[in-house]
Structure formats: structure tokens, C-alpha cells
Amino acid sequence: SNRRWHSDSIRTTLLKECFVKGLVYTISLKVRIQKTIPLSYYVQLKGPRADGSGWTHKQPLFCPEQSQDQGWVSCSGPFVIDADYEAIGEDLHFEVIFDYKKDTPEN
């Protein structure tokens, strides 16, 4: 793997003005894992706060483990634009973070 960090993965930028506070949106992914060892993953939306006080990191979707033998697997779920998202001063950074182990004692 050429990844240096666990978050070196699929990412894109979403235009903040395309979202409305209080509305429910759906995130939907179709992913195929190329490893025999099961991996889970989650979606992270983040961005710098307009007031300069740091960054907002939200994880609106956690997907279960899957492995190579499962082929393409869909994972989807709703999320609501709340005050945390509204505080972001720029566009939202959308990332899919792999290698996430929610059930391990370290997390």
C-alpha cells in the first residue's frame, strides 16, 4: 500500500452552499475490498471552523467489516446538517476512512 496514514483514502470536496441546515441527506457507498482480511470503514466529513477555533470532524456513517470474497457491498445511512456543519467556514471535505476497527479495545 502507498498509504502513509489511515486516512489516506478516497476523498473529495463538497460545496457547503449545497446543504441546508436541518435537512436529512443520505450517504451511500458501494465498496469492494481487495484484501482477504476483513476491513471496516467510515465516512468522515470535516472542515475548518469559520471562527478559526479549529476543525470540525463528523463521522455520519460507519460500515461493517467486509472482505474480498463478498464482492461489491453497499453501505448507506442518513445524516442531518446541524450547527456543527454550519460552523464550517469552507467547503466540506468528504473522506472514506478504511482500516477502522470499532469493536477493538483500543478504540
PDB file of N, CA and C in Angstrom:
ATOM      1  N   SER A   1       0.836  -1.188   0.000  1.00  0.00           N
ATOM      2  CA  SER A   1       0.000   0.000   0.000  1.00  0.00           C
ATOM      3  C   SER A   1       0.881   1.251   0.000  1.00  0.00           C
ATOM      4  N   ASN A   2       0.465   2.256  -0.714  1.00  0.00           N
ATOM      5  CA  ASN A   2       1.182   3.527  -0.752  1.00  0.00           C
ATOM      6  C   ASN A   2       0.654   4.518   0.278  1.00  0.00           C
ATOM      7  N   ARG A   3      -0.259   4.082   1.115  1.00  0.00           N
ATOM      8  CA  ARG A   3      -0.830   4.991   2.110  1.00  0.00           C
ATOM      9  C   ARG A   3       0.124   5.161   3.285  1.00  0.00           C
ATOM     10  N   ARG A   4       0.290   6.403   3.721  1.00  0.00           N
ATOM     11  CA  ARG A   4       1.141   6.673   4.885  1.00  0.00           C
ATOM     12  C   ARG A   4       0.314   6.796   6.153  1.00  0.00           C
ATOM     13  N   TRP A   5      -0.936   7.208   6.047  1.00  0.00           N
ATOM     14  CA  TRP A   5      -1.820   7.403   7.189  1.00  0.00           C
ATOM     15  C   TRP A   5      -3.098   6.615   6.967  1.00  0.00           C
ATOM     16  N   HIS A   6      -3.791   6.269   8.045  1.00  0.00           N
ATOM     17  CA  HIS A   6      -5.038   5.517   7.885  1.00  0.00           C
ATOM     18  C   HIS A   6      -6.068   6.300   7.091  1.00  0.00           C
ATOM     19  N   SER A   7      -5.960   7.608   7.070  1.00  0.00           N
ATOM     20  CA  SER A   7      -6.932   8.427   6.345  1.00  0.00           C
ATOM     21  C   SER A   7      -6.511   8.745   4.913  1.00  0.00           C
ATOM     22  N   ASP A   8      -5.399   8.190   4.449  1.00  0.00           N
ATOM     23  CA  ASP A   8      -5.009   8.365   3.044  1.00  0.00           C
ATOM     24  C   ASP A   8      -5.914   7.462   2.213  1.00  0.00           C
ATOM     25  N   SER A   9      -7.010   8.031   1.743  1.00  0.00           N
ATOM     26  CA  SER A   9      -8.028   7.213   1.120  1.00  0.00           C
ATOM     27  C   SER A   9      -8.866   8.057   0.168  1.00  0.00           C
ATOM     28  N   ILE A  10     -10.039   7.539  -0.165  1.00  0.00           N
ATOM     29  CA  ILE A  10     -10.953   8.237  -1.062  1.00  0.00           C
ATOM     30  C   ILE A  10     -11.392   9.541  -0.405  1.00  0.00           C
ATOM     31  N   ARG A  11     -11.274  10.640  -1.165  1.00  0.00           N
ATOM     32  CA  ARG A  11     -11.722  11.924  -0.625  1.00  0.00           C
ATOM     33  C   ARG A  11     -12.120  12.860  -1.751  1.00  0.00           C
ATOM     34  N   THR A  12     -13.024  13.759  -1.422  1.00  0.00           N
ATOM     35  CA  THR A  12     -13.451  14.797  -2.356  1.00  0.00           C
ATOM     36  C   THR A  12     -13.951  15.980  -1.538  1.00  0.00           C
ATOM     37  N   THR A  13     -14.231  17.071  -2.205  1.00  0.00           N
ATOM     38  CA  THR A  13     -14.739  18.274  -1.543  1.00  0.00           C
ATOM     39  C   THR A  13     -16.188  18.489  -1.949  1.00  0.00           C
ATOM     40  N   LEU A  14     -17.038  18.776  -0.970  1.00  0.00           N
ATOM     41  CA  LEU A  14     -18.450  19.055  -1.205  1.00  0.00           C
ATOM     42  C   LEU A  14     -18.698  20.541  -0.966  1.00  0.00           C
ATOM     43  N   LEU A  15     -19.455  21.168  -1.829  1.00  0.00           N
ATOM     44  CA  LEU A  15     -19.743  22.595  -1.692  1.00  0.00           C
ATOM     45  C   LEU A  15     -20.708  22.835  -0.540  1.00  0.00           C
ATOM     46  N   LYS A  16     -20.292  23.642   0.415  1.00  0.00           N
ATOM     47  CA  LYS A  16     -21.091  23.901   1.613  1.00  0.00           C
ATOM     48  C   LYS A  16     -22.449  24.510   1.269  1.00  0.00           C
ATOM     49  N   GLU A  17     -22.489  25.360   0.264  1.00  0.00           N
ATOM     50  CA  GLU A  17     -23.748  26.037  -0.065  1.00  0.00           C
ATOM     51  C   GLU A  17     -24.795  25.093  -0.659  1.00  0.00           C
ATOM     52  N   CYS A  18     -24.422  23.867  -0.951  1.00  0.00           N
ATOM     53  CA  CYS A  18     -25.381  22.882  -1.468  1.00  0.00           C
ATOM     54  C   CYS A  18     -26.175  22.207  -0.355  1.00  0.00           C
ATOM     55  N   PHE A  19     -25.845  22.469   0.913  1.00  0.00           N
ATOM     56  CA  PHE A  19     -26.509  21.829   2.037  1.00  0.00           C
ATOM     57  C   PHE A  19     -27.359  22.832   2.810  1.00  0.00           C
ATOM     58  N   VAL A  20     -28.475  22.343   3.367  1.00  0.00           N
ATOM     59  CA  VAL A  20     -29.403  23.173   4.129  1.00  0.00           C
ATOM     60  C   VAL A  20     -29.513  22.612   5.538  1.00  0.00           C
ATOM     61  N   LYS A  21     -29.341  23.472   6.540  1.00  0.00           N
ATOM     62  CA  LYS A  21     -29.419  23.047   7.938  1.00  0.00           C
ATOM     63  C   LYS A  21     -30.785  22.424   8.226  1.00  0.00           C
ATOM     64  N   GLY A  22     -30.747  21.290   8.913  1.00  0.00           N
ATOM     65  CA  GLY A  22     -31.967  20.609   9.313  1.00  0.00           C
ATOM     66  C   GLY A  22     -32.471  19.566   8.327  1.00  0.00           C
ATOM     67  N   LEU A  23     -31.990  19.589   7.100  1.00  0.00           N
ATOM     68  CA  LEU A  23     -32.431  18.589   6.131  1.00  0.00           C
ATOM     69  C   LEU A  23     -31.694  17.267   6.342  1.00  0.00           C
ATOM     70  N   VAL A  24     -32.379  16.184   6.014  1.00  0.00           N
ATOM     71  CA  VAL A  24     -31.783  14.855   6.110  1.00  0.00           C
ATOM     72  C   VAL A  24     -31.248  14.475   4.732  1.00  0.00           C
ATOM     73  N   TYR A  25     -29.977  14.096   4.683  1.00  0.00           N
ATOM     74  CA  TYR A  25     -29.317  13.648   3.458  1.00  0.00           C
ATOM     75  C   TYR A  25     -28.949  12.172   3.628  1.00  0.00           C
ATOM     76  N   THR A  26     -28.680  11.501   2.530  1.00  0.00           N
ATOM     77  CA  THR A  26     -28.272  10.102   2.574  1.00  0.00           C
ATOM     78  C   THR A  26     -26.886   9.970   1.972  1.00  0.00           C
ATOM     79  N   ILE A  27     -26.015   9.274   2.700  1.00  0.00           N
ATOM     80  CA  ILE A  27     -24.708   8.890   2.164  1.00  0.00           C
ATOM     81  C   ILE A  27     -24.836   7.441   1.744  1.00  0.00           C
ATOM     82  N   SER A  28     -24.413   7.132   0.540  1.00  0.00           N
ATOM     83  CA  SER A  28     -24.494   5.764   0.047  1.00  0.00           C
ATOM     84  C   SER A  28     -23.210   5.428  -0.703  1.00  0.00           C
ATOM     85  N   LEU A  29     -22.597   4.311  -0.323  1.00  0.00           N
ATOM     86  CA  LEU A  29     -21.358   3.857  -0.942  1.00  0.00           C
ATOM     87  C   LEU A  29     -21.534   2.431  -1.454  1.00  0.00           C
ATOM     88  N   LYS A  30     -20.816   2.115  -2.486  1.00  0.00           N
ATOM     89  CA  LYS A  30     -20.705   0.732  -2.939  1.00  0.00           C
ATOM     90  C   LYS A  30     -19.208   0.461  -3.032  1.00  0.00           C
ATOM     91  N   VAL A  31     -18.712  -0.433  -2.166  1.00  0.00           N
ATOM     92  CA  VAL A  31     -17.276  -0.637  -1.993  1.00  0.00           C
ATOM     93  C   VAL A  31     -16.922  -2.107  -2.221  1.00  0.00           C
ATOM     94  N   ARG A  32     -15.764  -2.316  -2.821  1.00  0.00           N
ATOM     95  CA  ARG A  32     -15.215  -3.670  -2.959  1.00  0.00           C
ATOM     96  C   ARG A  32     -13.828  -3.673  -2.330  1.00  0.00           C
ATOM     97  N   ILE A  33     -13.636  -4.495  -1.322  1.00  0.00           N
ATOM     98  CA  ILE A  33     -12.363  -4.619  -0.621  1.00  0.00           C
ATOM     99  C   ILE A  33     -11.479  -5.608  -1.383  1.00  0.00           C
ATOM    100  N   GLN A  34     -10.213  -5.274  -1.543  1.00  0.00           N
ATOM    101  CA  GLN A  34      -9.284  -6.128  -2.282  1.00  0.00           C
ATOM    102  C   GLN A  34      -8.333  -6.888  -1.358  1.00  0.00           C
ATOM    103  N   LYS A  35      -8.758  -7.158  -0.135  1.00  0.00           N
ATOM    104  CA  LYS A  35      -7.937  -7.901   0.824  1.00  0.00           C
ATOM    105  C   LYS A  35      -8.754  -9.055   1.376  1.00  0.00           C
ATOM    106  N   THR A  36      -8.067 -10.138   1.727  1.00  0.00           N
ATOM    107  CA  THR A  36      -8.765 -11.267   2.343  1.00  0.00           C
ATOM    108  C   THR A  36      -9.060 -10.992   3.813  1.00  0.00           C
ATOM    109  N   ILE A  37      -8.293 -10.099   4.428  1.00  0.00           N
ATOM    110  CA  ILE A  37      -8.532  -9.711   5.817  1.00  0.00           C
ATOM    111  C   ILE A  37      -9.672  -8.694   5.837  1.00  0.00           C
ATOM    112  N   PRO A  38     -10.732  -8.947   6.608  1.00  0.00           N
ATOM    113  CA  PRO A  38     -11.865  -8.022   6.629  1.00  0.00           C
ATOM    114  C   PRO A  38     -11.464  -6.626   7.117  1.00  0.00           C
ATOM    115  N   LEU A  39     -12.014  -5.617   6.454  1.00  0.00           N
ATOM    116  CA  LEU A  39     -11.807  -4.221   6.834  1.00  0.00           C
ATOM    117  C   LEU A  39     -13.162  -3.562   7.013  1.00  0.00           C
ATOM    118  N   SER A  40     -13.259  -2.702   7.997  1.00  0.00           N
ATOM    119  CA  SER A  40     -14.439  -1.857   8.111  1.00  0.00           C
ATOM    120  C   SER A  40     -14.005  -0.437   7.766  1.00  0.00           C
ATOM    121  N   TYR A  41     -14.958   0.446   7.612  1.00  0.00           N
ATOM    122  CA  TYR A  41     -14.635   1.802   7.193  1.00  0.00           C
ATOM    123  C   TYR A  41     -15.745   2.749   7.621  1.00  0.00           C
ATOM    124  N   TYR A  42     -15.441   4.033   7.584  1.00  0.00           N
ATOM    125  CA  TYR A  42     -16.448   5.036   7.910  1.00  0.00           C
ATOM    126  C   TYR A  42     -16.257   6.252   7.024  1.00  0.00           C
ATOM    127  N   VAL A  43     -17.310   7.068   6.968  1.00  0.00           N
ATOM    128  CA  VAL A  43     -17.271   8.319   6.227  1.00  0.00           C
ATOM    129  C   VAL A  43     -17.021   9.429   7.227  1.00  0.00           C
ATOM    130  N   GLN A  44     -16.099  10.313   6.877  1.00  0.00           N
ATOM    131  CA  GLN A  44     -15.822  11.484   7.707  1.00  0.00           C
ATOM    132  C   GLN A  44     -16.055  12.744   6.879  1.00  0.00           C
ATOM    133  N   LEU A  45     -16.781  13.675   7.467  1.00  0.00           N
ATOM    134  CA  LEU A  45     -16.948  14.995   6.888  1.00  0.00           C
ATOM    135  C   LEU A  45     -16.250  15.969   7.815  1.00  0.00           C
ATOM    136  N   LYS A  46     -15.387  16.816   7.251  1.00  0.00           N
ATOM    137  CA  LYS A  46     -14.633  17.731   8.114  1.00  0.00           C
ATOM    138  C   LYS A  46     -14.380  19.040   7.394  1.00  0.00           C
ATOM    139  N   GLY A  47     -13.988  20.029   8.189  1.00  0.00           N
ATOM    140  CA  GLY A  47     -13.637  21.320   7.616  1.00  0.00           C
ATOM    141  C   GLY A  47     -13.250  22.297   8.721  1.00  0.00           C
ATOM    142  N   PRO A  48     -12.519  23.361   8.365  1.00  0.00           N
ATOM    143  CA  PRO A  48     -12.116  24.354   9.353  1.00  0.00           C
ATOM    144  C   PRO A  48     -13.304  25.231   9.757  1.00  0.00           C
ATOM    145  N   ARG A  49     -13.403  25.513  11.045  1.00  0.00           N
ATOM    146  CA  ARG A  49     -14.475  26.381  11.547  1.00  0.00           C
ATOM    147  C   ARG A  49     -14.233  27.825  11.103  1.00  0.00           C
ATOM    148  N   ALA A  50     -15.301  28.496  10.800  1.00  0.00           N
ATOM    149  CA  ALA A  50     -15.232  29.880  10.309  1.00  0.00           C
ATOM    150  C   ALA A  50     -14.604  30.822  11.332  1.00  0.00           C
ATOM    151  N   ASP A  51     -14.764  30.507  12.629  1.00  0.00           N
ATOM    152  CA  ASP A  51     -14.230  31.399  13.663  1.00  0.00           C
ATOM    153  C   ASP A  51     -12.747  31.154  13.963  1.00  0.00           C
ATOM    154  N   GLY A  52     -12.122  30.205  13.247  1.00  0.00           N
ATOM    155  CA  GLY A  52     -10.704  29.935  13.435  1.00  0.00           C
ATOM    156  C   GLY A  52     -10.377  29.093  14.651  1.00  0.00           C
ATOM    157  N   SER A  53     -11.368  28.518  15.304  1.00  0.00           N
ATOM    158  CA  SER A  53     -11.139  27.765  16.547  1.00  0.00           C
ATOM    159  C   SER A  53     -10.762  26.303  16.327  1.00  0.00           C
ATOM    160  N   GLY A  54     -10.430  25.928  15.125  1.00  0.00           N
ATOM    161  CA  GLY A  54     -10.036  24.545  14.857  1.00  0.00           C
ATOM    162  C   GLY A  54     -10.873  23.938  13.755  1.00  0.00           C
ATOM    163  N   TRP A  55     -10.933  22.619  13.772  1.00  0.00           N
ATOM    164  CA  TRP A  55     -11.660  21.889  12.742  1.00  0.00           C
ATOM    165  C   TRP A  55     -12.835  21.131  13.341  1.00  0.00           C
ATOM    166  N   THR A  56     -13.863  20.941  12.554  1.00  0.00           N
ATOM    167  CA  THR A  56     -14.988  20.071  12.909  1.00  0.00           C
ATOM    168  C   THR A  56     -14.814  18.758  12.159  1.00  0.00           C
ATOM    169  N   HIS A  57     -14.896  17.653  12.886  1.00  0.00           N
ATOM    170  CA  HIS A  57     -14.812  16.303  12.308  1.00  0.00           C
ATOM    171  C   HIS A  57     -16.078  15.557  12.703  1.00  0.00           C
ATOM    172  N   LYS A  58     -16.845  15.109  11.726  1.00  0.00           N
ATOM    173  CA  LYS A  58     -18.070  14.343  11.987  1.00  0.00           C
ATOM    174  C   LYS A  58     -17.976  13.015  11.247  1.00  0.00           C
ATOM    175  N   GLN A  59     -18.468  11.961  11.862  1.00  0.00           N
ATOM    176  CA  GLN A  59     -18.489  10.636  11.243  1.00  0.00           C
ATOM    177  C   GLN A  59     -19.945  10.178  11.140  1.00  0.00           C
ATOM    178  N   PRO A  60     -20.618  10.549  10.051  1.00  0.00           N
ATOM    179  CA  PRO A  60     -22.052  10.241   9.940  1.00  0.00           C
ATOM    180  C   PRO A  60     -22.384   8.813   9.511  1.00  0.00           C
ATOM    181  N   LEU A  61     -21.386   8.027   9.070  1.00  0.00           N
ATOM    182  CA  LEU A  61     -21.693   6.681   8.589  1.00  0.00           C
ATOM    183  C   LEU A  61     -20.549   5.726   8.921  1.00  0.00           C
ATOM    184  N   PHE A  62     -20.873   4.641   9.629  1.00  0.00           N
ATOM    185  CA  PHE A  62     -19.934   3.555   9.912  1.00  0.00           C
ATOM    186  C   PHE A  62     -20.414   2.316   9.168  1.00  0.00           C
ATOM    187  N   CYS A  63     -19.523   1.672   8.456  1.00  0.00           N
ATOM    188  CA  CYS A  63     -19.881   0.495   7.656  1.00  0.00           C
ATOM    189  C   CYS A  63     -19.242  -0.753   8.253  1.00  0.00           C
ATOM    190  N   PRO A  64     -19.946  -1.885   8.195  1.00  0.00           N
ATOM    191  CA  PRO A  64     -19.429  -3.123   8.797  1.00  0.00           C
ATOM    192  C   PRO A  64     -18.248  -3.693   8.018  1.00  0.00           C
ATOM    193  N   GLU A  65     -17.550  -4.611   8.667  1.00  0.00           N
ATOM    194  CA  GLU A  65     -16.421  -5.282   8.015  1.00  0.00           C
ATOM    195  C   GLU A  65     -16.875  -6.016   6.758  1.00  0.00           C
ATOM    196  N   GLN A  66     -15.996  -5.995   5.777  1.00  0.00           N
ATOM    197  CA  GLN A  66     -16.206  -6.797   4.580  1.00  0.00           C
ATOM    198  C   GLN A  66     -14.844  -7.230   4.062  1.00  0.00           C
ATOM    199  N   SER A  67     -14.839  -8.274   3.243  1.00  0.00           N
ATOM    200  CA  SER A  67     -13.582  -8.781   2.692  1.00  0.00           C
ATOM    201  C   SER A  67     -13.752  -9.083   1.205  1.00  0.00           C
ATOM    202  N   GLN A  68     -12.678  -9.479   0.601  1.00  0.00           N
ATOM    203  CA  GLN A  68     -12.594  -9.689  -0.839  1.00  0.00           C
ATOM    204  C   GLN A  68     -13.675 -10.637  -1.369  1.00  0.00           C
ATOM    205  N   ASP A  69     -13.964 -11.691  -0.635  1.00  0.00           N
ATOM    206  CA  ASP A  69     -14.917 -12.695  -1.124  1.00  0.00           C
ATOM    207  C   ASP A  69     -16.360 -12.205  -1.183  1.00  0.00           C
ATOM    208  N   GLN A  70     -16.652 -11.045  -0.619  1.00  0.00           N
ATOM    209  CA  GLN A  70     -18.010 -10.507  -0.636  1.00  0.00           C
ATOM    210  C   GLN A  70     -18.313  -9.677  -1.885  1.00  0.00           C
ATOM    211  N   GLY A  71     -17.285  -9.358  -2.673  1.00  0.00           N
ATOM    212  CA  GLY A  71     -17.519  -8.537  -3.869  1.00  0.00           C
ATOM    213  C   GLY A  71     -17.945  -7.121  -3.499  1.00  0.00           C
ATOM    214  N   TRP A  72     -18.783  -6.531  -4.336  1.00  0.00           N
ATOM    215  CA  TRP A  72     -19.260  -5.168  -4.087  1.00  0.00           C
ATOM    216  C   TRP A  72     -20.333  -5.195  -3.005  1.00  0.00           C
ATOM    217  N   VAL A  73     -20.188  -4.324  -1.998  1.00  0.00           N
ATOM    218  CA  VAL A  73     -21.129  -4.242  -0.884  1.00  0.00           C
ATOM    219  C   VAL A  73     -21.590  -2.797  -0.729  1.00  0.00           C
ATOM    220  N   SER A  74     -22.897  -2.628  -0.534  1.00  0.00           N
ATOM    221  CA  SER A  74     -23.456  -1.287  -0.327  1.00  0.00           C
ATOM    222  C   SER A  74     -23.525  -0.964   1.159  1.00  0.00           C
ATOM    223  N   CYS A  75     -23.317   0.285   1.484  1.00  0.00           N
ATOM    224  CA  CYS A  75     -23.453   0.789   2.847  1.00  0.00           C
ATOM    225  C   CYS A  75     -24.047   2.187   2.726  1.00  0.00           C
ATOM    226  N   SER A  76     -25.118   2.446   3.453  1.00  0.00           N
ATOM    227  CA  SER A  76     -25.723   3.778   3.367  1.00  0.00           C
ATOM    228  C   SER A  76     -26.414   4.124   4.673  1.00  0.00           C
ATOM    229  N   GLY A  77     -26.672   5.397   4.841  1.00  0.00           N
ATOM    230  CA  GLY A  77     -27.359   5.868   6.034  1.00  0.00           C
ATOM    231  C   GLY A  77     -27.622   7.357   5.955  1.00  0.00           C
ATOM    232  N   PRO A  78     -28.538   7.836   6.779  1.00  0.00           N
ATOM    233  CA  PRO A  78     -28.902   9.258   6.779  1.00  0.00           C
ATOM    234  C   PRO A  78     -27.960  10.098   7.637  1.00  0.00           C
ATOM    235  N   PHE A  79     -27.904  11.375   7.336  1.00  0.00           N
ATOM    236  CA  PHE A  79     -27.260  12.337   8.234  1.00  0.00           C
ATOM    237  C   PHE A  79     -27.953  13.678   8.088  1.00  0.00           C
ATOM    238  N   VAL A  80     -27.914  14.458   9.161  1.00  0.00           N
ATOM    239  CA  VAL A  80     -28.595  15.753   9.210  1.00  0.00           C
ATOM    240  C   VAL A  80     -27.552  16.849   9.311  1.00  0.00           C
ATOM    241  N   ILE A  81     -27.717  17.885   8.522  1.00  0.00           N
ATOM    242  CA  ILE A  81     -26.841  19.051   8.636  1.00  0.00           C
ATOM    243  C   ILE A  81     -27.265  19.809   9.894  1.00  0.00           C
ATOM    244  N   ASP A  82     -26.360  19.867  10.866  1.00  0.00           N
ATOM    245  CA  ASP A  82     -26.657  20.540  12.132  1.00  0.00           C
ATOM    246  C   ASP A  82     -25.742  21.752  12.318  1.00  0.00           C
ATOM    247  N   ALA A  83     -25.760  22.338  13.500  1.00  0.00           N
ATOM    248  CA  ALA A  83     -24.965  23.538  13.779  1.00  0.00           C
ATOM    249  C   ALA A  83     -23.468  23.291  13.617  1.00  0.00           C
ATOM    250  N   ASP A  84     -23.010  22.060  13.899  1.00  0.00           N
ATOM    251  CA  ASP A  84     -21.585  21.745  13.727  1.00  0.00           C
ATOM    252  C   ASP A  84     -21.160  21.908  12.274  1.00  0.00           C
ATOM    253  N   TYR A  85     -21.989  21.427  11.358  1.00  0.00           N
ATOM    254  CA  TYR A  85     -21.671  21.575   9.935  1.00  0.00           C
ATOM    255  C   TYR A  85     -21.746  23.036   9.514  1.00  0.00           C
ATOM    256  N   GLU A  86     -22.743  23.735  10.052  1.00  0.00           N
ATOM    257  CA  GLU A  86     -22.925  25.144   9.701  1.00  0.00           C
ATOM    258  C   GLU A  86     -21.742  25.999  10.135  1.00  0.00           C
ATOM    259  N   ALA A  87     -21.045  25.590  11.191  1.00  0.00           N
ATOM    260  CA  ALA A  87     -19.903  26.349  11.708  1.00  0.00           C
ATOM    261  C   ALA A  87     -18.675  26.245  10.807  1.00  0.00           C
ATOM    262  N   ILE A  88     -18.679  25.277   9.899  1.00  0.00           N
ATOM    263  CA  ILE A  88     -17.538  25.122   8.990  1.00  0.00           C
ATOM    264  C   ILE A  88     -17.516  26.300   8.027  1.00  0.00           C
ATOM    265  N   GLY A  89     -16.364  26.937   7.933  1.00  0.00           N
ATOM    266  CA  GLY A  89     -16.246  28.151   7.147  1.00  0.00           C
ATOM    267  C   GLY A  89     -16.023  27.940   5.673  1.00  0.00           C
ATOM    268  N   GLU A  90     -15.545  26.767   5.311  1.00  0.00           N
ATOM    269  CA  GLU A  90     -15.259  26.485   3.908  1.00  0.00           C
ATOM    270  C   GLU A  90     -16.076  25.271   3.476  1.00  0.00           C
ATOM    271  N   ASP A  91     -15.727  24.730   2.343  1.00  0.00           N
ATOM    272  CA  ASP A  91     -16.419  23.547   1.856  1.00  0.00           C
ATOM    273  C   ASP A  91     -16.099  22.336   2.729  1.00  0.00           C
ATOM    274  N   LEU A  92     -16.970  21.328   2.684  1.00  0.00           N
ATOM    275  CA  LEU A  92     -16.799  20.115   3.469  1.00  0.00           C
ATOM    276  C   LEU A  92     -15.852  19.153   2.765  1.00  0.00           C
ATOM    277  N   HIS A  93     -14.960  18.563   3.518  1.00  0.00           N
ATOM    278  CA  HIS A  93     -14.074  17.531   2.997  1.00  0.00           C
ATOM    279  C   HIS A  93     -14.714  16.179   3.310  1.00  0.00           C
ATOM    280  N   PHE A  94     -15.000  15.396   2.276  1.00  0.00           N
ATOM    281  CA  PHE A  94     -15.637  14.096   2.400  1.00  0.00           C
ATOM    282  C   PHE A  94     -14.562  13.032   2.243  1.00  0.00           C
ATOM    283  N   GLU A  95     -14.419  12.147   3.233  1.00  0.00           N
ATOM    284  CA  GLU A  95     -13.385  11.111   3.208  1.00  0.00           C
ATOM    285  C   GLU A  95     -13.979   9.764   3.592  1.00  0.00           C
ATOM    286  N   VAL A  96     -13.475   8.717   2.981  1.00  0.00           N
ATOM    287  CA  VAL A  96     -13.799   7.352   3.392  1.00  0.00           C
ATOM    288  C   VAL A  96     -12.542   6.814   4.065  1.00  0.00           C
ATOM    289  N   ILE A  97     -12.659   6.481   5.347  1.00  0.00           N
ATOM    290  CA  ILE A  97     -11.518   6.040   6.146  1.00  0.00           C
ATOM    291  C   ILE A  97     -11.603   4.526   6.329  1.00  0.00           C
ATOM    292  N   PHE A  98     -10.603   3.809   5.810  1.00  0.00           N
ATOM    293  CA  PHE A  98     -10.563   2.351   5.909  1.00  0.00           C
ATOM    294  C   PHE A  98      -9.736   1.922   7.111  1.00  0.00           C
ATOM    295  N   ASP A  99      -9.752   0.627   7.388  1.00  0.00           N
ATOM    296  CA  ASP A  99      -8.996   0.020   8.486  1.00  0.00           C
ATOM    297  C   ASP A  99      -9.569   0.369   9.846  1.00  0.00           C
ATOM    298  N   TYR A 100     -10.784   0.804   9.898  1.00  0.00           N
ATOM    299  CA  TYR A 100     -11.389   1.185  11.168  1.00  0.00           C
ATOM    300  C   TYR A 100     -11.896  -0.057  11.889  1.00  0.00           C
ATOM    301  N   LYS A 101     -11.524  -0.201  13.157  1.00  0.00           N
ATOM    302  CA  LYS A 101     -11.945  -1.350  13.970  1.00  0.00           C
ATOM    303  C   LYS A 101     -12.726  -0.838  15.163  1.00  0.00           C
ATOM    304  N   LYS A 102     -14.026  -0.676  15.016  1.00  0.00           N
ATOM    305  CA  LYS A 102     -14.868  -0.119  16.072  1.00  0.00           C
ATOM    306  C   LYS A 102     -14.931  -1.024  17.305  1.00  0.00           C
ATOM    307  N   ASP A 103     -14.839  -2.327  17.124  1.00  0.00           N
ATOM    308  CA  ASP A 103     -15.020  -3.252  18.217  1.00  0.00           C
ATOM    309  C   ASP A 103     -13.754  -3.622  18.976  1.00  0.00           C
ATOM    310  N   THR A 104     -12.620  -3.047  18.610  1.00  0.00           N
ATOM    311  CA  THR A 104     -11.381  -3.376  19.301  1.00  0.00           C
ATOM    312  C   THR A 104     -11.261  -2.553  20.582  1.00  0.00           C
ATOM    313  N   PRO A 105     -10.594  -3.071  21.609  1.00  0.00           N
ATOM    314  CA  PRO A 105     -10.469  -2.364  22.888  1.00  0.00           C
ATOM    315  C   PRO A 105      -9.760  -1.016  22.770  1.00  0.00           C
ATOM    316  N   GLU A 106      -8.886  -0.847  21.780  1.00  0.00           N
ATOM    317  CA  GLU A 106      -8.127   0.398  21.668  1.00  0.00           C
ATOM    318  C   GLU A 106      -8.985   1.572  21.236  1.00  0.00           C
ATOM    319  N   ASN A 107     -10.159   1.307  20.635  1.00  0.00           N
ATOM    320  CA  ASN A 107     -10.970   2.412  20.091  1.00  0.00           C
ATOM    321  C   ASN A 107     -12.107   2.752  21.004  1.00  0.00           C
TER     322      ASN A 107
END
